[in-house]
Amino acid sequence: MNITPFLAKAFQELDNKMQGILNGTKIESIKETISYYAIAAAIASMIAAVVPGGGGLIAAAAQVGFLWATYVKINKTIGLSMTDETSKFLANAILTNLITYYGALLAGHIVASVVAFIPIAGSALAAAAEGLIGYTAIYVSAYIYIKLITRVVKPDGSIEIADKDKTSDIIKQIMAREDMKGLVKESTKQFKDAQKSGAIDAVKALKRCPECGTPYSEGDHFCSVCGHDLTKSNK
């Protein structure tokens, strides 16, 4: 995934807040993390979309899991101290606000669930819609997350979410100030580029942790994100 205007700006702001902690290697790693989990969410969403009636809800649940994994990986890349519980809360809070205040995503889930009842063509339409929604949900939410930690990170690289209501208000403020239409448009272009470049097919071919979807190599014993015992998965 190429550096994009929205992400470039977010990386610069975070780097300034964390006193120059980001470098080319870390930025590239974060870009790859966002790209991989956005594609993984798209694939999972397309698979879930063929389930008549409940596909949209299954896809939404999968997206929360991939978003949590995205946050954990970003945290490790920049050395941010945060509990898994906090990461999961933020994943739910950001995605919930995104769907609640930007009804296009919610409408997409509903449409996908409805057209899944239509034989053959309906399933294909549902898969296409959910694939784009899944990618966009992760891409946009990852951007919002970077903006959020820029607001609340401490000088020592730690972050503490003591007041969940206040954090939700900050998330809403960020979304209200951002060019969400432009961000979604940028995400859509990235999704189309991933389709054309073969990146989606490449992710499909990877071995992934059954718990969080993180790719792993032959010989790895534990997932680098969630710590799942991969030796059990390979049996």
Protein backbone atom coordinates (compact mmCIF):
# COMPACT_ATOMS: atom_id res chain seq x y z
CA MET A 1 0.00 0.00 0.00
CA ASN A 2 1.40 3.38 -1.02
CA ILE A 3 1.54 6.26 1.43
CA THR A 4 -1.67 8.26 1.08
CA PRO A 5 -2.45 11.90 1.92
CA PHE A 6 -4.59 11.06 4.95
CA LEU A 7 -2.15 8.53 6.43
CA ALA A 8 0.85 10.74 5.69
CA LYS A 9 -0.72 13.57 7.67
CA ALA A 10 -1.67 11.27 10.54
CA PHE A 11 1.84 9.79 10.72
CA GLN A 12 3.39 13.27 10.79
CA GLU A 13 1.14 14.43 13.62
CA LEU A 14 1.83 11.28 15.66
CA ASP A 15 5.56 11.59 15.06
CA ASN A 16 5.51 15.19 16.30
CA LYS A 17 3.55 14.23 19.42
CA MET A 18 5.88 11.32 20.22
CA GLN A 19 9.00 13.42 19.63
CA GLY A 20 10.26 11.82 16.44
CA ILE A 21 9.72 8.19 17.38
CA LEU A 22 8.57 7.18 13.88
CA ASN A 23 11.01 6.36 11.11
CA GLY A 24 10.71 4.95 7.62
CA THR A 25 10.78 1.35 8.83
CA LYS A 26 8.05 1.87 11.45
CA ILE A 27 5.84 3.82 9.05
CA GLU A 28 6.20 1.09 6.44
CA SER A 29 5.34 -1.53 9.06
CA ILE A 30 2.20 0.35 10.11
CA LYS A 31 1.13 0.75 6.47
CA GLU A 32 1.60 -2.99 5.89
CA THR A 33 -0.36 -3.74 9.07
CA ILE A 34 -3.30 -1.58 7.98
CA SER A 35 -3.21 -2.97 4.45
CA TYR A 36 -3.05 -6.60 5.57
CA TYR A 37 -5.86 -6.43 8.13
CA ALA A 38 -8.05 -4.34 5.82
CA ILE A 39 -7.67 -7.00 3.14
CA ALA A 40 -8.19 -9.80 5.67
CA ALA A 41 -11.38 -8.10 6.88
CA ALA A 42 -12.54 -7.74 3.28
CA ILE A 43 -11.99 -11.45 2.64
CA ALA A 44 -13.74 -12.49 5.87
CA SER A 45 -16.61 -10.12 5.10
CA MET A 46 -17.03 -11.51 1.59
CA ILE A 47 -17.19 -15.05 2.97
CA ALA A 48 -19.70 -14.08 5.66
CA ALA A 49 -21.85 -12.22 3.14
CA VAL A 50 -23.16 -15.42 1.56
CA VAL A 51 -25.00 -16.27 4.80
CA PRO A 52 -28.63 -15.21 4.14
CA GLY A 53 -29.97 -12.66 6.61
CA GLY A 54 -27.13 -12.74 9.13
CA GLY A 55 -24.11 -12.22 6.91
CA GLY A 56 -23.82 -8.54 7.68
CA LEU A 57 -23.76 -9.12 11.42
CA ILE A 58 -21.18 -11.89 11.11
CA ALA A 59 -19.04 -9.61 8.95
CA ALA A 60 -19.30 -6.79 11.49
CA ALA A 61 -18.15 -9.11 14.28
CA ALA A 62 -15.18 -10.21 12.19
CA GLN A 63 -14.26 -6.60 11.52
CA VAL A 64 -14.05 -5.83 15.25
CA GLY A 65 -11.60 -8.71 15.68
CA PHE A 66 -9.39 -7.59 12.82
CA LEU A 67 -9.51 -4.01 14.05
CA TRP A 68 -8.36 -5.08 17.52
CA ALA A 69 -5.46 -7.00 15.95
CA THR A 70 -4.58 -3.92 13.89
CA TYR A 71 -4.37 -1.77 17.01
CA VAL A 72 -2.26 -4.32 18.89
CA LYS A 73 0.20 -4.52 15.99
CA ILE A 74 0.42 -0.73 15.65
CA ASN A 75 1.02 -0.43 19.40
CA LYS A 76 3.90 -2.91 19.23
CA THR A 77 5.42 -1.12 16.25
CA ILE A 78 5.56 2.27 17.99
CA GLY A 79 6.18 0.89 21.48
CA LEU A 80 2.86 2.03 22.91
CA SER A 81 1.87 0.59 26.28
CA MET A 82 -1.76 -0.53 26.27
CA THR A 83 -3.68 -3.50 27.67
CA ASP A 84 -5.56 -5.88 25.38
CA GLU A 85 -8.76 -4.86 27.12
CA THR A 86 -8.17 -1.23 26.21
CA SER A 87 -7.39 -2.16 22.60
CA LYS A 88 -10.61 -4.15 22.37
CA PHE A 89 -12.62 -1.30 23.91
CA LEU A 90 -11.20 1.20 21.41
CA ALA A 91 -11.85 -1.15 18.49
CA ASN A 92 -15.50 -1.48 19.52
CA ALA A 93 -15.88 2.23 20.29
CA ILE A 94 -14.38 3.47 17.03
CA LEU A 95 -16.20 0.98 14.81
CA THR A 96 -19.50 1.57 16.62
CA ASN A 97 -19.21 5.34 16.21
CA LEU A 98 -18.21 4.90 12.58
CA ILE A 99 -21.28 2.83 11.81
CA THR A 100 -23.61 4.94 13.97
CA TYR A 101 -22.62 8.34 12.64
CA TYR A 102 -21.87 7.36 9.06
CA GLY A 103 -24.91 5.41 8.01
CA ALA A 104 -23.49 4.39 4.63
CA LEU A 105 -21.60 1.56 6.29
CA LEU A 106 -24.64 0.43 8.25
CA ALA A 107 -26.80 0.67 5.14
CA GLY A 108 -24.26 -1.42 3.29
CA HIS A 109 -24.53 -4.19 5.87
CA ILE A 110 -28.32 -4.13 5.60
CA VAL A 111 -28.29 -4.19 1.79
CA ALA A 112 -25.78 -7.04 1.77
CA SER A 113 -27.94 -9.06 4.14
CA VAL A 114 -31.02 -8.49 1.98
CA VAL A 115 -29.52 -9.27 -1.43
CA ALA A 116 -27.95 -12.45 -0.04
CA PHE A 117 -31.40 -13.97 -0.34
CA ILE A 118 -31.27 -13.55 -4.14
CA PRO A 119 -29.81 -16.72 -5.76
CA ILE A 120 -26.35 -16.49 -7.38
CA ALA A 121 -26.36 -12.81 -8.38
CA GLY A 122 -27.50 -11.78 -4.92
CA SER A 123 -24.67 -13.62 -3.22
CA ALA A 124 -22.13 -12.05 -5.57
CA LEU A 125 -23.49 -8.57 -4.90
CA ALA A 126 -23.51 -9.18 -1.16
CA ALA A 127 -19.90 -10.40 -1.23
CA ALA A 128 -18.76 -7.40 -3.26
CA ALA A 129 -20.54 -4.95 -0.96
CA GLU A 130 -19.29 -6.55 2.25
CA GLY A 131 -15.75 -6.83 0.89
CA LEU A 132 -15.56 -3.09 0.31
CA ILE A 133 -17.24 -2.36 3.63
CA GLY A 134 -14.84 -4.65 5.49
CA TYR A 135 -11.80 -3.00 3.93
CA THR A 136 -13.12 0.50 4.52
CA ALA A 137 -14.05 -0.24 8.15
CA ILE A 138 -10.47 -1.24 9.01
CA TYR A 139 -8.76 1.42 6.91
CA VAL A 140 -10.83 4.32 8.21
CA SER A 141 -10.86 3.06 11.80
CA ALA A 142 -7.06 2.63 11.76
CA TYR A 143 -6.70 6.24 10.64
CA ILE A 144 -9.03 7.41 13.40
CA TYR A 145 -7.07 5.33 15.91
CA ILE A 146 -3.80 7.01 14.93
CA LYS A 147 -5.48 10.39 15.34
CA LEU A 148 -6.85 9.30 18.74
CA ILE A 149 -3.56 8.14 20.22
CA THR A 150 -1.97 11.36 18.95
CA ARG A 151 -4.46 13.17 21.17
CA VAL A 152 -4.10 11.05 24.32
CA VAL A 153 -0.60 9.50 24.30
CA LYS A 154 1.73 10.52 27.14
CA PRO A 155 5.36 11.63 26.68
CA ASP A 156 6.60 8.24 27.96
CA GLY A 157 4.62 6.39 25.29
CA SER A 158 1.90 5.13 27.63
CA ILE A 159 -1.82 5.58 27.31
CA GLU A 160 -4.52 5.10 29.91
CA ILE A 161 -8.21 5.08 29.17
CA ALA A 162 -9.73 5.84 32.55
CA ASP A 163 -12.94 7.46 31.37
CA LYS A 164 -14.58 5.52 28.53
CA ASP A 165 -17.31 8.11 28.01
CA LYS A 166 -14.72 10.87 27.61
CA THR A 167 -12.77 8.73 25.16
CA SER A 168 -15.92 8.11 23.12
CA ASP A 169 -16.48 11.87 23.02
CA ILE A 170 -12.93 12.39 21.71
CA ILE A 171 -13.58 9.80 18.99
CA LYS A 172 -16.75 11.64 17.98
CA GLN A 173 -14.85 14.95 17.89
CA ILE A 174 -12.17 13.47 15.62
CA MET A 175 -14.78 12.11 13.21
CA ALA A 176 -16.64 15.42 13.19
CA ARG A 177 -13.48 17.33 12.25
CA GLU A 178 -12.18 14.92 9.65
CA ASP A 179 -13.07 14.78 5.95
CA MET A 180 -14.79 11.42 6.28
CA LYS A 181 -16.04 11.39 2.69
CA GLY A 182 -12.53 12.00 1.43
CA LEU A 183 -11.17 9.31 3.74
CA VAL A 184 -13.72 6.75 2.55
CA LYS A 185 -12.94 7.70 -1.06
CA GLU A 186 -9.24 7.15 -0.41
CA SER A 187 -10.02 3.78 1.18
CA THR A 188 -12.12 2.73 -1.80
CA LYS A 189 -9.24 3.52 -4.15
CA GLN A 190 -6.84 1.49 -1.98
CA PHE A 191 -9.26 -1.46 -2.08
CA LYS A 192 -9.50 -1.32 -5.86
CA ASP A 193 -5.71 -1.07 -6.14
CA ALA A 194 -5.38 -4.14 -3.89
CA GLN A 195 -7.71 -6.06 -6.20
CA LYS A 196 -5.82 -5.04 -9.34
CA SER A 197 -2.36 -5.71 -7.88
CA GLY A 198 -3.22 -9.21 -6.67
CA ALA A 199 -2.67 -8.25 -3.03
CA ILE A 200 -6.02 -9.75 -2.02
CA ASP A 201 -5.18 -13.08 -3.65
CA ALA A 202 -1.78 -13.02 -1.94
CA VAL A 203 -3.38 -12.57 1.48
CA LYS A 204 -5.80 -15.41 0.75
CA ALA A 205 -2.82 -17.71 0.24
CA LEU A 206 -1.15 -16.87 3.58
CA LYS A 207 -1.37 -19.00 6.69
CA ARG A 208 -3.12 -16.98 9.35
CA CYS A 209 -3.55 -17.23 13.09
CA PRO A 210 -7.01 -18.70 13.77
CA GLU A 211 -7.49 -16.30 16.69
CA CYS A 212 -6.63 -12.88 15.23
CA GLY A 213 -5.82 -13.46 11.55
CA THR A 214 -2.19 -12.40 11.71
CA PRO A 215 -0.03 -14.07 9.02
CA TYR A 216 2.76 -16.35 10.17
CA SER A 217 5.65 -18.31 8.66
CA GLU A 218 6.53 -21.98 8.77
CA GLY A 219 8.28 -22.76 12.04
CA ASP A 220 6.55 -20.04 14.07
CA HIS A 221 5.29 -21.44 17.36
CA PHE A 222 3.24 -18.48 18.61
CA CYS A 223 1.30 -15.63 16.98
CA SER A 224 3.23 -12.37 17.12
CA VAL A 225 0.06 -10.42 18.01
CA CYS A 226 -2.19 -12.49 20.27
CA GLY A 227 0.24 -15.19 21.39
CA HIS A 228 -1.93 -18.08 20.18
CA ASP A 229 -0.14 -21.47 20.16
CA LEU A 230 0.28 -22.09 16.43
CA THR A 231 1.63 -25.59 16.96
CA LYS A 232 -1.85 -26.67 17.97
CA SER A 233 -3.33 -25.02 14.89
CA ASN A 234 -0.98 -26.93 12.60
CA LYS A 235 -1.88 -30.35 13.96
